[in-house]
Amino acid sequence: MTGFVHIIVPHGDFTLERGAEALTSYRFGTGAADHLFCSRCGVKSFYQPRSHPEAWSVNANCLDAPVALAVERFDGRDWEKAKADLQ
């Protein structure tokens, strides 16, 4: 519903060039995931998922230039089982 297309990017390969002061953090449930929203427009362009604690999940729809992606379906309702199936 939010149109989030995940690109998993290791922490070491990600640099936020500007806008950190506008981010608002939201955590729920276990608190492991850190959902970051723009405090001005409400867009979630990237966040720290609990499924990938060593990486950020970047929303491909928020990139300035399109990138070629191979999109794989993922069962977000039963994500723990779906994550285990990836390994």
PDB file of N, CA and C in Angstrom:
ATOM      1  N   MET A   1       0.806  -1.199   0.000  1.00  0.00           N
ATOM      2  CA  MET A   1       0.000   0.000   0.000  1.00  0.00           C
ATOM      3  C   MET A   1       0.850   1.264   0.000  1.00  0.00           C
ATOM      4  N   THR A   2       2.016   1.200   0.630  1.00  0.00           N
ATOM      5  CA  THR A   2       2.855   2.402   0.670  1.00  0.00           C
ATOM      6  C   THR A   2       3.747   2.518  -0.554  1.00  0.00           C
ATOM      7  N   GLY A   3       3.800   1.481  -1.382  1.00  0.00           N
ATOM      8  CA  GLY A   3       4.632   1.525  -2.577  1.00  0.00           C
ATOM      9  C   GLY A   3       6.108   1.383  -2.285  1.00  0.00           C
ATOM     10  N   PHE A   4       6.460   0.734  -1.190  1.00  0.00           N
ATOM     11  CA  PHE A   4       7.863   0.589  -0.798  1.00  0.00           C
ATOM     12  C   PHE A   4       8.470  -0.576  -1.571  1.00  0.00           C
ATOM     13  N   VAL A   5       9.492  -0.313  -2.368  1.00  0.00           N
ATOM     14  CA  VAL A   5      10.230  -1.347  -3.095  1.00  0.00           C
ATOM     15  C   VAL A   5      11.605  -1.427  -2.444  1.00  0.00           C
ATOM     16  N   HIS A   6      11.849  -2.510  -1.716  1.00  0.00           N
ATOM     17  CA  HIS A   6      13.042  -2.641  -0.878  1.00  0.00           C
ATOM     18  C   HIS A   6      14.313  -2.927  -1.669  1.00  0.00           C
ATOM     19  N   ILE A   7      15.347  -2.159  -1.385  1.00  0.00           N
ATOM     20  CA  ILE A   7      16.703  -2.463  -1.837  1.00  0.00           C
ATOM     21  C   ILE A   7      17.526  -2.575  -0.553  1.00  0.00           C
ATOM     22  N   ILE A   8      18.039  -3.762  -0.278  1.00  0.00           N
ATOM     23  CA  ILE A   8      18.818  -3.971   0.940  1.00  0.00           C
ATOM     24  C   ILE A   8      20.250  -3.508   0.683  1.00  0.00           C
ATOM     25  N   VAL A   9      20.699  -2.534   1.490  1.00  0.00           N
ATOM     26  CA  VAL A   9      22.013  -1.918   1.313  1.00  0.00           C
ATOM     27  C   VAL A   9      22.800  -2.047   2.617  1.00  0.00           C
ATOM     28  N   PRO A  10      23.957  -2.725   2.584  1.00  0.00           N
ATOM     29  CA  PRO A  10      24.772  -2.834   3.805  1.00  0.00           C
ATOM     30  C   PRO A  10      25.093  -1.453   4.379  1.00  0.00           C
ATOM     31  N   HIS A  11      25.148  -1.355   5.697  1.00  0.00           N
ATOM     32  CA  HIS A  11      25.415  -0.071   6.351  1.00  0.00           C
ATOM     33  C   HIS A  11      26.644   0.630   5.771  1.00  0.00           C
ATOM     34  N   GLY A  12      27.694  -0.114   5.503  1.00  0.00           N
ATOM     35  CA  GLY A  12      28.929   0.477   4.993  1.00  0.00           C
ATOM     36  C   GLY A  12      28.822   1.049   3.592  1.00  0.00           C
ATOM     37  N   ASP A  13      27.787   0.655   2.856  1.00  0.00           N
ATOM     38  CA  ASP A  13      27.600   1.133   1.482  1.00  0.00           C
ATOM     39  C   ASP A  13      26.568   2.244   1.378  1.00  0.00           C
ATOM     40  N   PHE A  14      26.071   2.730   2.509  1.00  0.00           N
ATOM     41  CA  PHE A  14      25.005   3.731   2.518  1.00  0.00           C
ATOM     42  C   PHE A  14      25.511   5.028   3.141  1.00  0.00           C
ATOM     43  N   THR A  15      25.252   6.133   2.465  1.00  0.00           N
ATOM     44  CA  THR A  15      25.571   7.455   3.006  1.00  0.00           C
ATOM     45  C   THR A  15      24.359   8.360   2.827  1.00  0.00           C
ATOM     46  N   LEU A  16      23.864   8.889   3.925  1.00  0.00           N
ATOM     47  CA  LEU A  16      22.791   9.873   3.852  1.00  0.00           C
ATOM     48  C   LEU A  16      23.460  11.223   3.680  1.00  0.00           C
ATOM     49  N   GLU A  17      23.289  11.823   2.520  1.00  0.00           N
ATOM     50  CA  GLU A  17      24.006  13.057   2.190  1.00  0.00           C
ATOM     51  C   GLU A  17      23.392  14.301   2.815  1.00  0.00           C
ATOM     52  N   ARG A  18      22.087  14.299   3.016  1.00  0.00           N
ATOM     53  CA  ARG A  18      21.438  15.458   3.635  1.00  0.00           C
ATOM     54  C   ARG A  18      20.050  15.048   4.113  1.00  0.00           C
ATOM     55  N   GLY A  19      19.498  15.855   5.013  1.00  0.00           N
ATOM     56  CA  GLY A  19      18.133  15.641   5.467  1.00  0.00           C
ATOM     57  C   GLY A  19      17.977  14.885   6.773  1.00  0.00           C
ATOM     58  N   ALA A  20      19.079  14.500   7.414  1.00  0.00           N
ATOM     59  CA  ALA A  20      18.979  13.734   8.661  1.00  0.00           C
ATOM     60  C   ALA A  20      18.185  14.477   9.726  1.00  0.00           C
ATOM     61  N   GLU A  21      18.292  15.788   9.732  1.00  0.00           N
ATOM     62  CA  GLU A  21      17.585  16.589  10.744  1.00  0.00           C
ATOM     63  C   GLU A  21      16.063  16.522  10.580  1.00  0.00           C
ATOM     64  N   ALA A  22      15.587  16.110   9.420  1.00  0.00           N
ATOM     65  CA  ALA A  22      14.149  16.054   9.163  1.00  0.00           C
ATOM     66  C   ALA A  22      13.557  14.672   9.455  1.00  0.00           C
ATOM     67  N   LEU A  23      14.398  13.689   9.802  1.00  0.00           N
ATOM     68  CA  LEU A  23      13.903  12.334  10.028  1.00  0.00           C
ATOM     69  C   LEU A  23      13.266  12.180  11.400  1.00  0.00           C
ATOM     70  N   THR A  24      12.177  11.441  11.434  1.00  0.00           N
ATOM     71  CA  THR A  24      11.500  11.078  12.672  1.00  0.00           C
ATOM     72  C   THR A  24      11.494   9.565  12.759  1.00  0.00           C
ATOM     73  N   SER A  25      11.857   9.028  13.912  1.00  0.00           N
ATOM     74  CA  SER A  25      11.947   7.588  14.125  1.00  0.00           C
ATOM     75  C   SER A  25      10.678   7.056  14.775  1.00  0.00           C
ATOM     76  N   TYR A  26      10.270   5.863  14.344  1.00  0.00           N
ATOM     77  CA  TYR A  26       9.126   5.199  14.952  1.00  0.00           C
ATOM     78  C   TYR A  26       9.466   3.725  15.116  1.00  0.00           C
ATOM     79  N   ARG A  27       9.276   3.206  16.319  1.00  0.00           N
ATOM     80  CA  ARG A  27       9.496   1.780  16.607  1.00  0.00           C
ATOM     81  C   ARG A  27       8.238   1.218  17.235  1.00  0.00           C
ATOM     82  N   PHE A  28       7.944  -0.034  16.909  1.00  0.00           N
ATOM     83  CA  PHE A  28       6.791  -0.689  17.529  1.00  0.00           C
ATOM     84  C   PHE A  28       7.117  -2.161  17.716  1.00  0.00           C
ATOM     85  N   GLY A  29       6.234  -2.900  18.346  1.00  0.00           N
ATOM     86  CA  GLY A  29       6.453  -4.329  18.568  1.00  0.00           C
ATOM     87  C   GLY A  29       7.723  -4.575  19.358  1.00  0.00           C
ATOM     88  N   THR A  30       8.651  -5.310  18.768  1.00  0.00           N
ATOM     89  CA  THR A  30       9.908  -5.637  19.453  1.00  0.00           C
ATOM     90  C   THR A  30      10.846  -4.444  19.539  1.00  0.00           C
ATOM     91  N   GLY A  31      10.622  -3.423  18.729  1.00  0.00           N
ATOM     92  CA  GLY A  31      11.490  -2.242  18.715  1.00  0.00           C
ATOM     93  C   GLY A  31      12.769  -2.447  17.930  1.00  0.00           C
ATOM     94  N   ALA A  32      12.932  -3.620  17.323  1.00  0.00           N
ATOM     95  CA  ALA A  32      14.166  -3.918  16.582  1.00  0.00           C
ATOM     96  C   ALA A  32      14.261  -3.123  15.280  1.00  0.00           C
ATOM     97  N   ALA A  33      13.143  -2.905  14.632  1.00  0.00           N
ATOM     98  CA  ALA A  33      13.143  -2.138  13.381  1.00  0.00           C
ATOM     99  C   ALA A  33      13.020  -0.653  13.707  1.00  0.00           C
ATOM    100  N   ASP A  34      13.783   0.162  12.992  1.00  0.00           N
ATOM    101  CA  ASP A  34      13.733   1.613  13.178  1.00  0.00           C
ATOM    102  C   ASP A  34      13.176   2.227  11.902  1.00  0.00           C
ATOM    103  N   HIS A  35      11.899   2.591  11.950  1.00  0.00           N
ATOM    104  CA  HIS A  35      11.220   3.172  10.801  1.00  0.00           C
ATOM    105  C   HIS A  35      11.462   4.675  10.809  1.00  0.00           C
ATOM    106  N   LEU A  36      12.080   5.175   9.756  1.00  0.00           N
ATOM    107  CA  LEU A  36      12.452   6.585   9.664  1.00  0.00           C
ATOM    108  C   LEU A  36      11.569   7.277   8.631  1.00  0.00           C
ATOM    109  N   PHE A  37      10.885   8.326   9.065  1.00  0.00           N
ATOM    110  CA  PHE A  37       9.979   9.077   8.203  1.00  0.00           C
ATOM    111  C   PHE A  37      10.446  10.515   8.098  1.00  0.00           C
ATOM    112  N   CYS A  38      10.189  11.135   6.953  1.00  0.00           N
ATOM    113  CA  CYS A  38      10.426  12.559   6.813  1.00  0.00           C
ATOM    114  C   CYS A  38       9.371  13.285   7.644  1.00  0.00           C
ATOM    115  N   SER A  39       9.811  14.141   8.560  1.00  0.00           N
ATOM    116  CA  SER A  39       8.877  14.847   9.435  1.00  0.00           C
ATOM    117  C   SER A  39       8.094  15.922   8.686  1.00  0.00           C
ATOM    118  N   ARG A  40       8.499  16.219   7.472  1.00  0.00           N
ATOM    119  CA  ARG A  40       7.796  17.248   6.688  1.00  0.00           C
ATOM    120  C   ARG A  40       6.725  16.650   5.775  1.00  0.00           C
ATOM    121  N   CYS A  41       7.071  15.550   5.079  1.00  0.00           N
ATOM    122  CA  CYS A  41       6.124  14.997   4.105  1.00  0.00           C
ATOM    123  C   CYS A  41       5.600  13.612   4.468  1.00  0.00           C
ATOM    124  N   GLY A  42       6.229  12.923   5.420  1.00  0.00           N
ATOM    125  CA  GLY A  42       5.755  11.614   5.861  1.00  0.00           C
ATOM    126  C   GLY A  42       6.281  10.430   5.082  1.00  0.00           C
ATOM    127  N   VAL A  43       7.109  10.647   4.077  1.00  0.00           N
ATOM    128  CA  VAL A  43       7.640   9.554   3.264  1.00  0.00           C
ATOM    129  C   VAL A  43       8.677   8.759   4.057  1.00  0.00           C
ATOM    130  N   LYS A  44       8.616   7.433   3.897  1.00  0.00           N
ATOM    131  CA  LYS A  44       9.635   6.554   4.479  1.00  0.00           C
ATOM    132  C   LYS A  44      10.554   6.126   3.338  1.00  0.00           C
ATOM    133  N   SER A  45      11.684   6.813   3.184  1.00  0.00           N
ATOM    134  CA  SER A  45      12.594   6.530   2.067  1.00  0.00           C
ATOM    135  C   SER A  45      13.576   5.406   2.391  1.00  0.00           C
ATOM    136  N   PHE A  46      13.852   5.191   3.677  1.00  0.00           N
ATOM    137  CA  PHE A  46      14.692   4.074   4.094  1.00  0.00           C
ATOM    138  C   PHE A  46      14.434   3.805   5.567  1.00  0.00           C
ATOM    139  N   TYR A  47      14.805   2.595   6.008  1.00  0.00           N
ATOM    140  CA  TYR A  47      14.650   2.254   7.424  1.00  0.00           C
ATOM    141  C   TYR A  47      15.553   1.087   7.771  1.00  0.00           C
ATOM    142  N   GLN A  48      15.690   0.831   9.055  1.00  0.00           N
ATOM    143  CA  GLN A  48      16.482  -0.296   9.560  1.00  0.00           C
ATOM    144  C   GLN A  48      15.525  -1.460   9.822  1.00  0.00           C
ATOM    145  N   PRO A  49      15.517  -2.472   8.957  1.00  0.00           N
ATOM    146  CA  PRO A  49      14.594  -3.587   9.174  1.00  0.00           C
ATOM    147  C   PRO A  49      15.144  -4.580  10.204  1.00  0.00           C
ATOM    148  N   ARG A  50      14.258  -5.216  10.934  1.00  0.00           N
ATOM    149  CA  ARG A  50      14.729  -6.227  11.889  1.00  0.00           C
ATOM    150  C   ARG A  50      15.166  -7.490  11.159  1.00  0.00           C
ATOM    151  N   SER A  51      14.695  -7.688   9.932  1.00  0.00           N
ATOM    152  CA  SER A  51      15.086  -8.862   9.156  1.00  0.00           C
ATOM    153  C   SER A  51      16.528  -8.787   8.667  1.00  0.00           C
ATOM    154  N   HIS A  52      17.086  -7.573   8.563  1.00  0.00           N
ATOM    155  CA  HIS A  52      18.456  -7.368   8.075  1.00  0.00           C
ATOM    156  C   HIS A  52      19.151  -6.341   8.976  1.00  0.00           C
ATOM    157  N   PRO A  53      19.547  -6.728  10.187  1.00  0.00           N
ATOM    158  CA  PRO A  53      20.114  -5.761  11.130  1.00  0.00           C
ATOM    159  C   PRO A  53      21.440  -5.157  10.686  1.00  0.00           C
ATOM    160  N   GLU A  54      22.074  -5.732   9.669  1.00  0.00           N
ATOM    161  CA  GLU A  54      23.357  -5.227   9.189  1.00  0.00           C
ATOM    162  C   GLU A  54      23.212  -4.312   7.978  1.00  0.00           C
ATOM    163  N   ALA A  55      21.961  -3.996   7.622  1.00  0.00           N
ATOM    164  CA  ALA A  55      21.728  -3.231   6.393  1.00  0.00           C
ATOM    165  C   ALA A  55      20.516  -2.318   6.545  1.00  0.00           C
ATOM    166  N   TRP A  56      20.445  -1.336   5.649  1.00  0.00           N
ATOM    167  CA  TRP A  56      19.272  -0.476   5.534  1.00  0.00           C
ATOM    168  C   TRP A  56      18.388  -1.033   4.428  1.00  0.00           C
ATOM    169  N   SER A  57      17.104  -0.787   4.528  1.00  0.00           N
ATOM    170  CA  SER A  57      16.194  -1.064   3.431  1.00  0.00           C
ATOM    171  C   SER A  57      15.842   0.290   2.808  1.00  0.00           C
ATOM    172  N   VAL A  58      16.251   0.477   1.566  1.00  0.00           N
ATOM    173  CA  VAL A  58      16.042   1.743   0.854  1.00  0.00           C
ATOM    174  C   VAL A  58      14.868   1.564  -0.101  1.00  0.00           C
ATOM    175  N   ASN A  59      13.996   2.553  -0.157  1.00  0.00           N
ATOM    176  CA  ASN A  59      12.849   2.506  -1.051  1.00  0.00           C
ATOM    177  C   ASN A  59      13.276   2.938  -2.451  1.00  0.00           C
ATOM    178  N   ALA A  60      13.267   2.006  -3.393  1.00  0.00           N
ATOM    179  CA  ALA A  60      13.674   2.299  -4.772  1.00  0.00           C
ATOM    180  C   ALA A  60      12.846   3.428  -5.373  1.00  0.00           C
ATOM    181  N   ASN A  61      11.611   3.587  -4.927  1.00  0.00           N
ATOM    182  CA  ASN A  61      10.752   4.650  -5.459  1.00  0.00           C
ATOM    183  C   ASN A  61      11.181   6.040  -5.016  1.00  0.00           C
ATOM    184  N   CYS A  62      12.113   6.132  -4.078  1.00  0.00           N
ATOM    185  CA  CYS A  62      12.595   7.427  -3.596  1.00  0.00           C
ATOM    186  C   CYS A  62      13.936   7.834  -4.203  1.00  0.00           C
ATOM    187  N   LEU A  63      14.475   7.017  -5.079  1.00  0.00           N
ATOM    188  CA  LEU A  63      15.760   7.337  -5.705  1.00  0.00           C
ATOM    189  C   LEU A  63      15.553   8.343  -6.835  1.00  0.00           C
ATOM    190  N   ASP A  64      16.522   9.230  -7.014  1.00  0.00           N
ATOM    191  CA  ASP A  64      16.444  10.230  -8.081  1.00  0.00           C
ATOM    192  C   ASP A  64      16.516   9.596  -9.460  1.00  0.00           C
ATOM    193  N   ALA A  65      17.360   8.573  -9.597  1.00  0.00           N
ATOM    194  CA  ALA A  65      17.516   7.901 -10.888  1.00  0.00           C
ATOM    195  C   ALA A  65      17.032   6.456 -10.765  1.00  0.00           C
ATOM    196  N   PRO A  66      16.294   5.963 -11.746  1.00  0.00           N
ATOM    197  CA  PRO A  66      15.822   4.577 -11.674  1.00  0.00           C
ATOM    198  C   PRO A  66      16.986   3.592 -11.729  1.00  0.00           C
ATOM    199  N   VAL A  67      16.809   2.469 -11.087  1.00  0.00           N
ATOM    200  CA  VAL A  67      17.810   1.402 -11.112  1.00  0.00           C
ATOM    201  C   VAL A  67      17.138   0.123 -11.592  1.00  0.00           C
ATOM    202  N   ALA A  68      17.907  -0.728 -12.277  1.00  0.00           N
ATOM    203  CA  ALA A  68      17.380  -2.015 -12.731  1.00  0.00           C
ATOM    204  C   ALA A  68      17.312  -2.954 -11.530  1.00  0.00           C
ATOM    205  N   LEU A  69      16.155  -3.535 -11.304  1.00  0.00           N
ATOM    206  CA  LEU A  69      15.961  -4.405 -10.148  1.00  0.00           C
ATOM    207  C   LEU A  69      15.322  -5.719 -10.560  1.00  0.00           C
ATOM    208  N   ALA A  70      15.721  -6.791  -9.896  1.00  0.00           N
ATOM    209  CA  ALA A  70      15.026  -8.070  -9.991  1.00  0.00           C
ATOM    210  C   ALA A  70      14.150  -8.149  -8.746  1.00  0.00           C
ATOM    211  N   VAL A  71      12.854  -8.007  -8.907  1.00  0.00           N
ATOM    212  CA  VAL A  71      11.931  -7.970  -7.774  1.00  0.00           C
ATOM    213  C   VAL A  71      11.505  -9.383  -7.423  1.00  0.00           C
ATOM    214  N   GLU A  72      11.691  -9.748  -6.153  1.00  0.00           N
ATOM    215  CA  GLU A  72      11.282 -11.048  -5.652  1.00  0.00           C
ATOM    216  C   GLU A  72      10.157 -10.851  -4.652  1.00  0.00           C
ATOM    217  N   ARG A  73       9.114 -11.632  -4.768  1.00  0.00           N
ATOM    218  CA  ARG A  73       7.999 -11.568  -3.828  1.00  0.00           C
ATOM    219  C   ARG A  73       8.457 -12.085  -2.470  1.00  0.00           C
ATOM    220  N   PHE A  74       7.940 -11.478  -1.416  1.00  0.00           N
ATOM    221  CA  PHE A  74       8.312 -11.840  -0.049  1.00  0.00           C
ATOM    222  C   PHE A  74       7.062 -11.811   0.812  1.00  0.00           C
ATOM    223  N   ASP A  75       6.828 -12.857   1.579  1.00  0.00           N
ATOM    224  CA  ASP A  75       5.647 -12.956   2.430  1.00  0.00           C
ATOM    225  C   ASP A  75       5.865 -12.135   3.697  1.00  0.00           C
ATOM    226  N   GLY A  76       5.430 -10.882   3.671  1.00  0.00           N
ATOM    227  CA  GLY A  76       5.622  -9.991   4.807  1.00  0.00           C
ATOM    228  C   GLY A  76       4.768 -10.335   6.011  1.00  0.00           C
ATOM    229  N   ARG A  77       3.660 -11.017   5.800  1.00  0.00           N
ATOM    230  CA  ARG A  77       2.803 -11.402   6.923  1.00  0.00           C
ATOM    231  C   ARG A  77       3.512 -12.443   7.789  1.00  0.00           C
ATOM    232  N   ASP A  78       4.190 -13.390   7.158  1.00  0.00           N
ATOM    233  CA  ASP A  78       4.911 -14.455   7.869  1.00  0.00           C
ATOM    234  C   ASP A  78       6.405 -14.317   7.591  1.00  0.00           C
ATOM    235  N   TRP A  79       6.924 -13.096   7.843  1.00  0.00           N
ATOM    236  CA  TRP A  79       8.275 -12.767   7.400  1.00  0.00           C
ATOM    237  C   TRP A  79       9.349 -13.642   8.030  1.00  0.00           C
ATOM    238  N   GLU A  80       9.173 -14.109   9.264  1.00  0.00           N
ATOM    239  CA  GLU A  80      10.222 -14.923   9.888  1.00  0.00           C
ATOM    240  C   GLU A  80      10.400 -16.237   9.124  1.00  0.00           C
ATOM    241  N   LYS A  81       9.281 -16.881   8.731  1.00  0.00           N
ATOM    242  CA  LYS A  81       9.366 -18.096   7.926  1.00  0.00           C
ATOM    243  C   LYS A  81       9.931 -17.777   6.546  1.00  0.00           C
ATOM    244  N   ALA A  82       9.467 -16.682   5.948  1.00  0.00           N
ATOM    245  CA  ALA A  82       9.934 -16.308   4.613  1.00  0.00           C
ATOM    246  C   ALA A  82      11.433 -16.010   4.642  1.00  0.00           C
ATOM    247  N   LYS A  83      11.912 -15.342   5.688  1.00  0.00           N
ATOM    248  CA  LYS A  83      13.349 -15.053   5.809  1.00  0.00           C
ATOM    249  C   LYS A  83      14.138 -16.347   5.939  1.00  0.00           C
ATOM    250  N   ALA A  84      13.642 -17.306   6.731  1.00  0.00           N
ATOM    251  CA  ALA A  84      14.333 -18.575   6.892  1.00  0.00           C
ATOM    252  C   ALA A  84      14.409 -19.327   5.565  1.00  0.00           C
ATOM    253  N   ASP A  85      13.379 -19.194   4.736  1.00  0.00           N
ATOM    254  CA  ASP A  85      13.361 -19.854   3.423  1.00  0.00           C
ATOM    255  C   ASP A  85      14.417 -19.265   2.482  1.00  0.00           C
ATOM    256  N   LEU A  86      14.850 -18.018   2.717  1.00  0.00           N
ATOM    257  CA  LEU A  86      15.870 -17.378   1.880  1.00  0.00           C
ATOM    258  C   LEU A  86      17.239 -17.992   2.105  1.00  0.00           C
ATOM    259  N   GLN A  87      17.464 -18.511   3.301  1.00  0.00           N
ATOM    260  CA  GLN A  87      18.804 -18.981   3.681  1.00  0.00           C
ATOM    261  C   GLN A  87      19.090 -20.366   3.220  1.00  0.00           C
TER     262      GLN A  87
END
